[in-house]
Protein backbone atom coordinates (compact mmCIF):
# COMPACT_ATOMS: atom_id res chain seq x y z
CA MET A 1 19.64 -12.40 8.72
CA LYS A 2 19.11 -10.27 5.67
CA THR A 3 16.74 -7.13 5.70
CA LEU A 4 14.21 -9.08 3.24
CA ASP A 5 13.97 -12.00 5.48
CA GLN A 6 13.44 -10.02 8.92
CA ILE A 7 10.45 -7.82 7.30
CA ARG A 8 8.98 -11.29 6.03
CA GLU A 9 9.19 -13.12 9.49
CA PHE A 10 8.13 -10.10 11.35
CA PHE A 11 5.02 -9.53 9.40
CA SER A 12 4.15 -13.44 9.04
CA ASP A 13 4.34 -13.75 12.89
CA ARG A 14 1.86 -10.68 13.28
CA TYR A 15 -0.31 -12.36 10.58
CA ARG A 16 -0.20 -15.58 12.53
CA SER A 17 -1.00 -13.79 15.83
CA THR A 18 -4.46 -13.10 15.53
CA SER A 19 -7.33 -14.15 12.96
CA ARG A 20 -7.52 -10.30 11.68
CA TYR A 21 -4.34 -7.94 12.13
CA TRP A 22 -5.78 -4.81 10.07
CA TRP A 23 -9.10 -3.31 9.50
CA ASN A 24 -10.52 -5.64 12.24
CA PHE A 25 -13.98 -3.95 12.12
CA PRO A 26 -17.27 -4.74 10.12
CA HIS A 27 -17.16 -2.86 7.79
CA ALA A 28 -13.56 -3.29 6.67
CA TYR A 29 -14.67 -4.19 2.94
CA SER A 30 -16.99 -1.20 2.43
CA VAL A 31 -16.85 0.61 -0.80
CA PHE A 32 -18.52 3.79 0.57
CA PRO A 33 -15.35 6.49 0.96
CA ASP A 34 -17.48 7.85 4.16
CA ASP A 35 -16.95 4.47 5.82
CA HIS A 36 -13.35 4.96 5.96
CA ALA A 37 -13.32 8.20 8.03
CA GLY A 38 -9.91 7.08 9.72
CA SER A 39 -8.08 6.55 6.71
CA LEU A 40 -7.44 9.15 4.31
CA MET A 41 -5.60 6.88 1.68
CA ALA A 42 -8.48 4.49 1.61
CA GLN A 43 -10.99 7.19 1.04
CA GLN A 44 -9.46 8.92 -1.90
CA ILE A 45 -8.82 5.16 -3.64
CA LEU A 46 -12.45 4.63 -3.36
CA ARG A 47 -13.08 7.98 -4.87
CA TYR A 48 -10.71 7.34 -7.72
CA ALA A 49 -11.95 4.16 -7.84
CA ILE A 50 -15.61 4.90 -8.32
CA SER A 51 -15.24 7.94 -10.74
CA ARG A 52 -13.22 5.98 -13.08
CA GLY A 53 -14.93 3.10 -13.17
CA PRO A 54 -13.48 -0.62 -13.32
CA GLY A 55 -9.93 -1.08 -14.72
CA ARG A 56 -6.85 -2.98 -13.76
CA ALA A 57 -5.15 -2.50 -10.10
CA LEU A 58 -2.25 -3.80 -8.67
CA ASP A 59 -1.57 -3.35 -4.59
CA LEU A 60 1.95 -3.55 -3.48
CA GLY A 61 2.39 -5.06 -0.21
CA SER A 62 -1.14 -5.87 0.15
CA GLY A 63 -1.09 -7.01 3.88
CA GLU A 64 -4.02 -8.85 4.58
CA GLY A 65 -5.68 -7.49 1.26
CA ALA A 66 -8.19 -4.78 2.57
CA ASP A 67 -7.17 -2.27 -0.43
CA ALA A 68 -7.59 -5.29 -3.16
CA ILE A 69 -10.99 -6.61 -1.49
CA ARG A 70 -12.25 -3.25 -1.81
CA LEU A 71 -11.29 -2.78 -5.59
CA ALA A 72 -12.60 -6.07 -6.38
CA ARG A 73 -16.14 -5.28 -5.23
CA LEU A 74 -16.11 -2.38 -7.31
CA GLY A 75 -15.60 -4.47 -10.13
CA TRP A 76 -11.75 -4.14 -10.82
CA GLU A 77 -9.69 -6.71 -12.02
CA VAL A 78 -7.39 -6.75 -9.14
CA GLU A 79 -3.88 -8.43 -8.34
CA ALA A 80 -1.97 -8.10 -5.09
CA VAL A 81 1.37 -8.85 -4.23
CA GLU A 82 2.22 -9.62 -0.61
CA LEU A 83 6.13 -10.66 0.68
CA SER A 84 4.58 -12.72 3.45
CA GLU A 85 3.40 -16.46 2.68
CA VAL A 86 0.92 -15.79 5.63
CA GLY A 87 -0.37 -12.51 4.31
CA ALA A 88 -0.83 -13.78 0.87
CA ASP A 89 -2.99 -16.72 1.81
CA LYS A 90 -4.99 -14.43 3.89
CA ILE A 91 -5.99 -12.21 1.37
CA SER A 92 -6.80 -15.03 -0.87
CA LYS A 93 -9.02 -16.47 2.16
CA PHE A 94 -10.63 -13.16 2.84
CA ALA A 95 -11.29 -12.36 -0.69
CA SER A 96 -12.85 -15.74 -1.05
CA GLU A 97 -15.15 -15.07 2.31
CA VAL A 98 -16.22 -11.84 0.30
CA GLY A 99 -17.25 -13.41 -2.99
CA VAL A 100 -14.27 -11.80 -4.84
CA SER A 101 -11.30 -12.80 -7.01
CA VAL A 102 -7.93 -11.45 -6.25
CA LYS A 103 -4.71 -12.74 -8.02
CA VAL A 104 -2.34 -13.00 -5.39
CA HIS A 105 1.45 -13.17 -6.02
CA ARG A 106 3.93 -13.93 -2.92
CA ALA A 107 6.70 -11.59 -4.11
CA ASP A 108 8.85 -8.70 -2.86
CA LEU A 109 8.36 -5.35 -4.86
CA ALA A 110 11.81 -5.77 -6.28
CA ASP A 111 11.43 -9.47 -7.80
CA PHE A 112 7.68 -8.96 -9.09
CA VAL A 113 7.18 -8.70 -12.71
CA ALA A 114 3.57 -7.56 -14.10
CA ASP A 115 2.61 -9.17 -17.34
CA GLU A 116 0.60 -5.88 -17.89
CA LEU A 117 0.32 -2.39 -17.12
CA PHE A 118 -2.11 -1.20 -14.59
CA ASP A 119 -4.18 1.65 -14.10
CA LEU A 120 -4.01 2.13 -10.60
CA VAL A 121 -0.99 0.83 -8.28
CA ILE A 122 -1.36 1.01 -4.70
CA CYS A 123 1.86 1.33 -2.84
CA ASN A 124 0.51 1.74 0.87
CA GLY A 125 3.20 1.27 3.77
CA VAL A 126 6.16 -0.54 1.98
CA LEU A 127 8.52 2.07 1.03
CA HIS A 128 9.40 2.51 4.30
CA TYR A 129 10.83 -0.75 4.57
CA VAL A 130 12.95 0.09 1.20
CA GLU A 131 16.06 1.60 1.12
CA ASP A 132 16.41 2.06 -2.80
CA LYS A 133 13.67 4.10 -2.95
CA GLN A 134 14.36 5.51 -6.19
CA ALA A 135 14.34 2.14 -7.87
CA ALA A 136 11.29 1.38 -6.15
CA CYS A 137 9.45 4.29 -7.26
CA ARG A 138 10.58 3.90 -10.87
CA ARG A 139 9.59 0.11 -10.81
CA ILE A 140 6.22 1.25 -9.52
CA GLN A 141 5.45 3.93 -12.19
CA ASP A 142 6.94 1.61 -15.07
CA MET A 143 3.92 -0.72 -14.51
CA THR A 144 1.24 2.18 -14.56
CA THR A 145 -0.59 2.85 -17.92
CA PRO A 146 -0.09 6.36 -19.47
CA GLY A 147 -2.72 8.58 -17.51
CA GLY A 148 -3.14 5.87 -14.91
CA VAL A 149 -2.55 6.81 -10.58
CA ASN A 150 -0.29 5.64 -8.06
CA ALA A 151 -1.45 5.88 -4.26
CA VAL A 152 1.53 6.08 -2.20
CA SER A 153 2.16 5.92 1.48
CA LEU A 154 5.17 5.68 3.63
CA TRP A 155 6.59 7.37 6.80
CA SER A 156 8.52 10.23 6.69
CA ASP A 157 11.64 11.24 8.97
CA TYR A 158 9.30 13.99 10.39
CA THR A 159 9.23 12.26 13.61
CA PRO A 160 11.47 9.29 14.87
CA VAL A 161 11.01 5.31 13.99
CA PRO A 162 9.50 4.68 17.34
CA GLU A 163 11.46 2.15 19.43
CA CYS A 164 8.67 -0.58 19.11
CA HIS A 165 9.19 -0.81 15.11
CA ARG A 166 13.03 -1.04 15.07
CA VAL A 167 12.98 -4.74 15.38
CA VAL A 168 13.31 -4.54 11.65
CA PRO A 169 15.39 -2.22 9.53
CA THR A 170 13.56 0.98 8.56
CA PHE A 171 14.09 3.49 6.00
CA PRO A 172 11.81 6.58 6.05
CA ASP A 173 12.16 9.32 3.46
CA GLU A 174 12.31 13.00 3.97
CA GLU A 175 9.31 15.01 3.28
CA ARG A 176 10.82 16.39 -0.05
CA GLY A 177 13.14 13.46 -0.64
CA VAL A 178 13.57 10.63 -2.96
CA VAL A 179 9.87 9.76 -2.88
CA VAL A 180 8.24 13.14 -3.88
CA THR A 181 11.16 13.82 -6.17
CA GLU A 182 10.37 10.95 -8.65
CA TYR A 183 6.45 11.96 -8.65
CA ALA A 184 7.83 15.82 -9.34
CA ASP A 185 6.44 15.59 -13.00
CA TRP A 186 3.33 13.64 -12.35
CA SER A 187 -0.10 15.64 -11.38
CA LYS A 188 -1.08 15.21 -7.88
CA THR A 189 -4.57 14.48 -6.63
CA LEU A 190 -3.55 14.40 -3.32
CA MET A 191 0.21 15.64 -1.71
CA TYR A 192 0.03 15.56 2.14
CA PHE A 193 2.49 15.03 4.92
CA GLU A 194 0.86 13.94 7.90
CA ARG A 195 2.66 14.42 11.00
CA PHE A 196 2.55 12.89 14.67
CA ARG A 197 -0.50 10.40 13.87
CA GLY A 198 -1.16 8.04 16.28
CA GLU A 199 -0.88 4.78 15.14
CA SER A 200 -4.71 3.06 15.29
CA GLY A 201 -4.38 0.10 12.86
CA HIS A 202 -3.04 -2.34 15.14
CA ASN A 203 -2.93 -3.43 19.12
CA ASP A 204 -0.08 -5.38 19.54
CA MET A 205 2.23 -2.51 20.20
CA PRO A 206 2.33 0.41 22.89
CA SER A 207 0.91 3.56 21.93
CA HIS A 208 3.29 5.48 19.26
CA VAL A 209 3.04 7.93 16.50
CA HIS A 210 4.13 8.11 12.96
CA SER A 211 4.57 10.98 10.36
CA TYR A 212 3.42 10.05 6.84
CA ILE A 213 4.04 11.21 3.15
CA LYS A 214 0.75 10.67 1.39
CA LEU A 215 0.57 10.97 -2.49
CA ILE A 216 -1.78 10.45 -5.22
CA ALA A 217 -0.35 10.82 -8.72
CA ASN A 218 -1.27 10.82 -12.09
CA LYS A 219 1.54 9.52 -14.71
CA PRO A 220 1.63 11.97 -17.86
CA VAL A 221 -0.68 10.80 -20.78
CA GLY A 222 2.67 11.10 -23.08
CA GLU A 223 4.99 9.08 -21.16
CA SER A 224 5.32 5.05 -21.40
CA GLY A 225 6.81 2.55 -19.45
C-alpha cells in the first residue's frame, strides 16, 4: 500500500473509533488562549488571530477541525484540508454544531490548489508524514499572502518515533533541518524545539513521548507567490 493510502486509512480508522478523537473536552472550541494551556500552538494561533482581526485562514491536515472552528468563531473565513474522508466529514459536522462555517476540502497537501492566498496557514502535525518537506514548505508559503503567517508544528528526530506510531511511515525532521531552513528568511514570532513531551492528545496508544519543531513565522512583505 502506498504511503498516502496508509496514512489516510490510519487516521480514518481512528476517527471512526470514537465520536471525538482530538480535543475531547468541553472548552475545545474556546477562543480564549488561556483555555488551551496544554497547547502552545493553539494559544499562539489564537493570540495572533485576535490581534490581527478576521482574515482568510487555511488549516492543512485539519483532523477534526479544532483550529479551523476556533478561527471561524473569531470571524475568520476558514478553509480546511483533510486527507481522511472521515475526518473531513467530522469537521463539517462539528462546525455546524457550533454554528460556524468552514469550507472543507478532502485532499492531500501535495494536491490541494488554493483559489486565493491566505493571511494565516496552519500546518499542525502534518509534515512528519511528508518525506519531501522542501516541496511541502514551499507550497504552504506560496499559498500565503505577503506579510501573512504560517503556523507549523511537526515531530523532530531528537527522540525516536515511538513504536506505536511506526504502523505508518513517518519522516521527522532535524531541529535545524529542512523546515527551519525553509523559513530562514521569515521573521519568527515563535521558534521552539520541544523535547520529550508526553502525548496527551489521545488515549488509544500506550504512554509515549515526542519531540517537536514549532514555529510561527511571518512572510516577508516584499515576497509574492
